[in-house]
Every structure is written in structure tokens, then in C-alpha cells.
Amino acid sequence: MFTRSIFLVGMTASGKTTIGKDLAAQLGFPFFDSDRVLEERAGVSIPWIFEFEGESQFRRREASIIDELSQMRNIVLATGGGAVMRATTREHLSARGFVVYLLASINKILARVAEDTSRPLLQDDDPETVIERMAREREPVYSALADATFDTDAYANAHEIASSIATWYHSMVRH
């Protein structure tokens, strides 16, 4: 049976990693987080890359990792929040698997990142304004790219979201 990978996209702290791990377990697929793979290969943290190499170098590394991982079959991949802003990354994701957009409200995202210092773009005196700006820029791209959108605020927990995505996925691969 022909199956395809699932690529999770969405804003930072939308639940891509948590939901992705659960979804991969339900489907029996390996799970990858492009940010973690990048850190493992670079031998340094993402905040370090941003500080010493800059965002453009980080995005170049990120695009290369996603290109490589998206060529694997039958995986669940959590992408970085800004990864889809590169046209080549969007092309790779849409051509190589199902793209699932995890939509989360600004308030949920703010609650999740309140004490998180590992997200370089949110190390600002006003993270709410930063998140709102990123959402305005990115959400139209996520929506246009997505094969399906799941509003994470509408579910009780990550397992329920992962189960809904798994059900959707099974209906897609049967057709």
C-alpha cells in the first residue's frame, strides 16, 4: 500500500512536537523534529546559531535538514515555525507528503512560551507583539500549504488531536 509522510506546520508552540510524537506512535512511523535534528548535527543549540551565525544561516541549515528528512517515506516531521517561509521548503513539503497545519490561538501560544528561553525570535520585551506579527506573516502561508488544518484549541489534549489527524490520514491514503 502506498503511504506518505505527514509534515506538521504551524506557529512556534502550536504543539507540533508533542502532537507529532503521539501521531507517529499511533501510525507506527518514526518521528523527527527538524529543530532537534539541526541541533544534533550542528552540535549547538538553535539560540547559539541565531546569536553567532544569524537567522539567515539558521534558515539555510533548516531548509537543508527539511529537504533531507522530507525525502524519507512514512515519517512524521515537525517543522520549525518559520520553515515554510522559504519557497523551496514549501515545494518539498507539498510534493513529498501530507502537510498538516496545527492552528493555535495567540493566547495559547503565549501561555506555552511564557517561561521558554529556547525560542530566539521571542526573546523580546513584548513577545505578544512578536507572535502577532509572525502570525500575520505566516498563517496565510500555512493555510495555503496545508492539506488539512486542525485547530488545536478545539481539542482537550494532544492525544485527541493526534487521533483526529491519524483518522484523517487513514481516510486520505485509502483514496
C-alpha atoms as a PDB file:
ATOM      1  CA  MET A   1       0.000   0.000   0.000  1.00  0.00           C
ATOM      2  CA  PHE A   2       1.309   3.446  -0.915  1.00  0.00           C
ATOM      3  CA  THR A   3       1.582   5.744   2.059  1.00  0.00           C
ATOM      4  CA  ARG A   4       3.039   9.174   2.527  1.00  0.00           C
ATOM      5  CA  SER A   5       4.681  11.108   5.284  1.00  0.00           C
ATOM      6  CA  ILE A   6       2.990  13.757   7.395  1.00  0.00           C
ATOM      7  CA  PHE A   7       4.633  17.144   7.813  1.00  0.00           C
ATOM      8  CA  LEU A   8       3.363  19.291  10.678  1.00  0.00           C
ATOM      9  CA  VAL A   9       3.497  23.057  10.223  1.00  0.00           C
ATOM     10  CA  GLY A  10       2.326  25.903  12.433  1.00  0.00           C
ATOM     11  CA  MET A  11       3.411  28.672  14.712  1.00  0.00           C
ATOM     12  CA  THR A  12       6.018  28.193  17.374  1.00  0.00           C
ATOM     13  CA  ALA A  13       4.485  26.389  20.381  1.00  0.00           C
ATOM     14  CA  SER A  14       1.466  25.185  18.397  1.00  0.00           C
ATOM     15  CA  GLY A  15       2.135  21.623  19.567  1.00  0.00           C
ATOM     16  CA  LYS A  16       3.957  20.205  16.537  1.00  0.00           C
ATOM     17  CA  THR A  17       6.474  18.176  18.547  1.00  0.00           C
ATOM     18  CA  THR A  18       4.098  16.903  21.225  1.00  0.00           C
ATOM     19  CA  ILE A  19       1.340  16.035  18.766  1.00  0.00           C
ATOM     20  CA  GLY A  20       3.852  14.697  16.256  1.00  0.00           C
ATOM     21  CA  LYS A  21       5.334  12.182  18.702  1.00  0.00           C
ATOM     22  CA  ASP A  22       1.864  10.909  19.610  1.00  0.00           C
ATOM     23  CA  LEU A  23       0.776  10.774  15.955  1.00  0.00           C
ATOM     24  CA  ALA A  24       3.928   8.889  14.930  1.00  0.00           C
ATOM     25  CA  ALA A  25       3.313   6.335  17.687  1.00  0.00           C
ATOM     26  CA  GLN A  26      -0.294   5.861  16.550  1.00  0.00           C
ATOM     27  CA  LEU A  27       0.763   5.368  12.918  1.00  0.00           C
ATOM     28  CA  GLY A  28       3.855   3.292  13.694  1.00  0.00           C
ATOM     29  CA  PHE A  29       6.057   5.853  11.897  1.00  0.00           C
ATOM     30  CA  PRO A  30       9.376   7.323  13.020  1.00  0.00           C
ATOM     31  CA  PHE A  31       9.144  10.869  14.367  1.00  0.00           C
ATOM     32  CA  PHE A  32      11.558  13.668  13.527  1.00  0.00           C
ATOM     33  CA  ASP A  33      11.704  17.258  14.735  1.00  0.00           C
ATOM     34  CA  SER A  34      13.690  19.370  12.272  1.00  0.00           C
ATOM     35  CA  ASP A  35      14.893  21.676  15.060  1.00  0.00           C
ATOM     36  CA  ARG A  36      16.252  18.767  17.144  1.00  0.00           C
ATOM     37  CA  VAL A  37      17.936  17.168  14.123  1.00  0.00           C
ATOM     38  CA  LEU A  38      19.527  20.517  13.271  1.00  0.00           C
ATOM     39  CA  GLU A  39      20.836  20.938  16.820  1.00  0.00           C
ATOM     40  CA  GLU A  40      22.203  17.375  16.901  1.00  0.00           C
ATOM     41  CA  ARG A  41      24.049  17.841  13.617  1.00  0.00           C
ATOM     42  CA  ALA A  42      25.330  21.329  14.429  1.00  0.00           C
ATOM     43  CA  GLY A  43      26.409  20.336  17.927  1.00  0.00           C
ATOM     44  CA  VAL A  44      24.999  23.604  19.266  1.00  0.00           C
ATOM     45  CA  SER A  45      21.596  24.975  20.232  1.00  0.00           C
ATOM     46  CA  ILE A  46      19.315  26.986  17.980  1.00  0.00           C
ATOM     47  CA  PRO A  47      19.716  30.079  20.181  1.00  0.00           C
ATOM     48  CA  TRP A  48      23.512  29.726  19.723  1.00  0.00           C
ATOM     49  CA  ILE A  49      23.127  29.546  15.922  1.00  0.00           C
ATOM     50  CA  PHE A  50      20.904  32.648  15.948  1.00  0.00           C
ATOM     51  CA  GLU A  51      23.328  34.566  18.147  1.00  0.00           C
ATOM     52  CA  PHE A  52      26.589  33.654  16.415  1.00  0.00           C
ATOM     53  CA  GLU A  53      25.560  32.871  12.827  1.00  0.00           C
ATOM     54  CA  GLY A  54      22.310  34.784  12.446  1.00  0.00           C
ATOM     55  CA  GLU A  55      18.816  33.874  11.346  1.00  0.00           C
ATOM     56  CA  SER A  56      19.702  33.545   7.647  1.00  0.00           C
ATOM     57  CA  GLN A  57      22.333  30.866   8.387  1.00  0.00           C
ATOM     58  CA  PHE A  58      19.872  29.075  10.667  1.00  0.00           C
ATOM     59  CA  ARG A  59      17.232  29.127   7.886  1.00  0.00           C
ATOM     60  CA  ARG A  60      19.750  27.748   5.390  1.00  0.00           C
ATOM     61  CA  ARG A  61      20.600  24.875   7.735  1.00  0.00           C
ATOM     62  CA  GLU A  62      16.900  24.310   8.472  1.00  0.00           C
ATOM     63  CA  ALA A  63      15.994  24.149   4.760  1.00  0.00           C
ATOM     64  CA  SER A  64      18.726  21.583   4.130  1.00  0.00           C
ATOM     65  CA  ILE A  65      17.555  19.363   7.023  1.00  0.00           C
ATOM     66  CA  ILE A  66      13.914  19.548   5.909  1.00  0.00           C
ATOM     67  CA  ASP A  67      14.899  18.766   2.316  1.00  0.00           C
ATOM     68  CA  GLU A  68      16.695  15.638   3.520  1.00  0.00           C
ATOM     69  CA  LEU A  69      14.066  14.478   6.012  1.00  0.00           C
ATOM     70  CA  SER A  70      11.119  15.122   3.706  1.00  0.00           C
ATOM     71  CA  GLN A  71      12.591  12.645   1.227  1.00  0.00           C
ATOM     72  CA  MET A  72      12.075   9.837   3.753  1.00  0.00           C
ATOM     73  CA  ARG A  73       8.911   7.808   3.420  1.00  0.00           C
ATOM     74  CA  ASN A  74       6.365   7.135   6.140  1.00  0.00           C
ATOM     75  CA  ILE A  75       7.563   9.564   8.786  1.00  0.00           C
ATOM     76  CA  VAL A  76       6.012  12.296  10.892  1.00  0.00           C
ATOM     77  CA  LEU A  77       8.057  15.505  10.760  1.00  0.00           C
ATOM     78  CA  ALA A  78       7.577  18.543  12.980  1.00  0.00           C
ATOM     79  CA  THR A  79       8.978  21.566  11.166  1.00  0.00           C
ATOM     80  CA  GLY A  80      10.173  24.818  12.681  1.00  0.00           C
ATOM     81  CA  GLY A  81       7.569  27.580  12.807  1.00  0.00           C
ATOM     82  CA  GLY A  82       9.256  29.737  10.172  1.00  0.00           C
ATOM     83  CA  ALA A  83      10.491  26.944   7.901  1.00  0.00           C
ATOM     84  CA  VAL A  84       7.630  27.358   5.429  1.00  0.00           C
ATOM     85  CA  MET A  85       8.637  30.916   4.607  1.00  0.00           C
ATOM     86  CA  ARG A  86      11.181  29.507   2.124  1.00  0.00           C
ATOM     87  CA  ALA A  87       9.595  28.637  -1.220  1.00  0.00           C
ATOM     88  CA  THR A  88      11.836  25.601  -1.746  1.00  0.00           C
ATOM     89  CA  THR A  89      10.837  24.181   1.628  1.00  0.00           C
ATOM     90  CA  ARG A  90       7.143  24.630   0.780  1.00  0.00           C
ATOM     91  CA  GLU A  91       7.700  22.878  -2.545  1.00  0.00           C
ATOM     92  CA  HIS A  92       9.458  19.937  -0.888  1.00  0.00           C
ATOM     93  CA  LEU A  93       6.784  19.511   1.759  1.00  0.00           C
ATOM     94  CA  SER A  94       3.810  19.727  -0.595  1.00  0.00           C
ATOM     95  CA  ALA A  95       5.352  17.350  -3.140  1.00  0.00           C
ATOM     96  CA  ARG A  96       6.546  14.726  -0.680  1.00  0.00           C
ATOM     97  CA  GLY A  97       3.748  14.193   1.794  1.00  0.00           C
ATOM     98  CA  PHE A  98       0.667  15.488   3.528  1.00  0.00           C
ATOM     99  CA  VAL A  99       1.028  18.901   5.146  1.00  0.00           C
ATOM    100  CA  VAL A 100      -0.996  19.365   8.330  1.00  0.00           C
ATOM    101  CA  TYR A 101      -1.357  22.854   9.793  1.00  0.00           C
ATOM    102  CA  LEU A 102      -1.727  22.974  13.571  1.00  0.00           C
ATOM    103  CA  LEU A 103      -3.560  26.198  14.292  1.00  0.00           C
ATOM    104  CA  ALA A 104      -3.244  27.595  17.819  1.00  0.00           C
ATOM    105  CA  SER A 105      -4.546  30.856  19.271  1.00  0.00           C
ATOM    106  CA  ILE A 106      -2.154  33.652  20.197  1.00  0.00           C
ATOM    107  CA  ASN A 107      -3.228  33.265  23.849  1.00  0.00           C
ATOM    108  CA  LYS A 108      -2.362  29.526  23.888  1.00  0.00           C
ATOM    109  CA  ILE A 109       0.989  30.204  22.268  1.00  0.00           C
ATOM    110  CA  LEU A 110       1.780  32.976  24.765  1.00  0.00           C
ATOM    111  CA  ALA A 111       0.900  30.700  27.686  1.00  0.00           C
ATOM    112  CA  ARG A 112       3.172  27.962  26.330  1.00  0.00           C
ATOM    113  CA  VAL A 113       6.188  30.208  25.730  1.00  0.00           C
ATOM    114  CA  ALA A 114       5.918  32.413  28.829  1.00  0.00           C
ATOM    115  CA  GLU A 115       8.971  30.900  30.555  1.00  0.00           C
ATOM    116  CA  ASP A 116      10.668  29.422  27.470  1.00  0.00           C
ATOM    117  CA  THR A 117      14.063  30.920  26.648  1.00  0.00           C
ATOM    118  CA  SER A 118      14.841  28.461  23.824  1.00  0.00           C
ATOM    119  CA  ARG A 119      12.963  30.411  21.152  1.00  0.00           C
ATOM    120  CA  PRO A 120      15.275  33.157  19.901  1.00  0.00           C
ATOM    121  CA  LEU A 121      12.679  35.125  17.959  1.00  0.00           C
ATOM    122  CA  LEU A 122      10.584  35.528  21.123  1.00  0.00           C
ATOM    123  CA  GLN A 123      13.354  36.924  23.320  1.00  0.00           C
ATOM    124  CA  ASP A 124      11.779  40.354  23.228  1.00  0.00           C
ATOM    125  CA  ASP A 125      10.261  42.747  25.737  1.00  0.00           C
ATOM    126  CA  ASP A 126       6.902  42.280  24.026  1.00  0.00           C
ATOM    127  CA  PRO A 127       6.574  38.658  22.856  1.00  0.00           C
ATOM    128  CA  GLU A 128       2.845  39.096  22.209  1.00  0.00           C
ATOM    129  CA  THR A 129       3.507  41.702  19.513  1.00  0.00           C
ATOM    130  CA  VAL A 130       6.217  39.472  18.006  1.00  0.00           C
ATOM    131  CA  ILE A 131       3.855  36.461  17.904  1.00  0.00           C
ATOM    132  CA  GLU A 132       1.033  38.540  16.420  1.00  0.00           C
ATOM    133  CA  ARG A 133       3.366  39.839  13.687  1.00  0.00           C
ATOM    134  CA  MET A 134       4.682  36.354  12.915  1.00  0.00           C
ATOM    135  CA  ALA A 135       1.116  35.009  12.794  1.00  0.00           C
ATOM    136  CA  ARG A 136       0.063  37.705  10.299  1.00  0.00           C
ATOM    137  CA  GLU A 137       3.033  36.815   8.072  1.00  0.00           C
ATOM    138  CA  ARG A 138       2.931  33.044   8.410  1.00  0.00           C
ATOM    139  CA  GLU A 139      -0.697  31.965   8.802  1.00  0.00           C
ATOM    140  CA  PRO A 140      -1.661  32.671   5.159  1.00  0.00           C
ATOM    141  CA  VAL A 141       1.338  30.571   4.090  1.00  0.00           C
ATOM    142  CA  TYR A 142       0.407  27.716   6.449  1.00  0.00           C
ATOM    143  CA  SER A 143      -3.196  27.783   5.223  1.00  0.00           C
ATOM    144  CA  ALA A 144      -2.257  27.793   1.544  1.00  0.00           C
ATOM    145  CA  LEU A 145       0.226  24.944   2.002  1.00  0.00           C
ATOM    146  CA  ALA A 146      -1.904  22.700   4.210  1.00  0.00           C
ATOM    147  CA  ASP A 147      -3.738  19.603   3.056  1.00  0.00           C
ATOM    148  CA  ALA A 148      -5.643  19.801   6.355  1.00  0.00           C
ATOM    149  CA  THR A 149      -5.902  22.222   9.271  1.00  0.00           C
ATOM    150  CA  PHE A 150      -6.565  21.182  12.864  1.00  0.00           C
ATOM    151  CA  ASP A 151      -7.494  23.883  15.382  1.00  0.00           C
ATOM    152  CA  THR A 152      -5.626  22.706  18.463  1.00  0.00           C
ATOM    153  CA  ASP A 153      -7.746  24.918  20.743  1.00  0.00           C
ATOM    154  CA  ALA A 154     -10.789  22.779  19.873  1.00  0.00           C
ATOM    155  CA  TYR A 155      -9.364  19.634  21.496  1.00  0.00           C
ATOM    156  CA  ALA A 156      -8.894  18.610  25.121  1.00  0.00           C
ATOM    157  CA  ASN A 157      -5.329  17.363  24.674  1.00  0.00           C
ATOM    158  CA  ALA A 158      -2.557  16.436  22.251  1.00  0.00           C
ATOM    159  CA  HIS A 159      -3.609  12.772  22.077  1.00  0.00           C
ATOM    160  CA  GLU A 160      -7.074  13.720  20.814  1.00  0.00           C
ATOM    161  CA  ILE A 161      -5.539  15.938  18.130  1.00  0.00           C
ATOM    162  CA  ALA A 162      -3.124  13.200  17.078  1.00  0.00           C
ATOM    163  CA  SER A 163      -6.012  10.700  16.898  1.00  0.00           C
ATOM    164  CA  SER A 164      -8.034  13.055  14.705  1.00  0.00           C
ATOM    165  CA  ILE A 165      -5.066  13.551  12.386  1.00  0.00           C
ATOM    166  CA  ALA A 166      -4.488   9.774  12.234  1.00  0.00           C
ATOM    167  CA  THR A 167      -8.141   9.230  11.293  1.00  0.00           C
ATOM    168  CA  TRP A 168      -7.903  11.912   8.608  1.00  0.00           C
ATOM    169  CA  TYR A 169      -4.634  10.424   7.332  1.00  0.00           C
ATOM    170  CA  HIS A 170      -6.110   6.927   7.017  1.00  0.00           C
ATOM    171  CA  SER A 171      -9.033   8.329   5.033  1.00  0.00           C
ATOM    172  CA  MET A 172      -6.593  10.094   2.684  1.00  0.00           C
ATOM    173  CA  VAL A 173      -4.361   7.095   1.984  1.00  0.00           C
ATOM    174  CA  ARG A 174      -7.335   4.873   1.206  1.00  0.00           C
ATOM    175  CA  HIS A 175      -8.342   7.128  -1.696  1.00  0.00           C
END
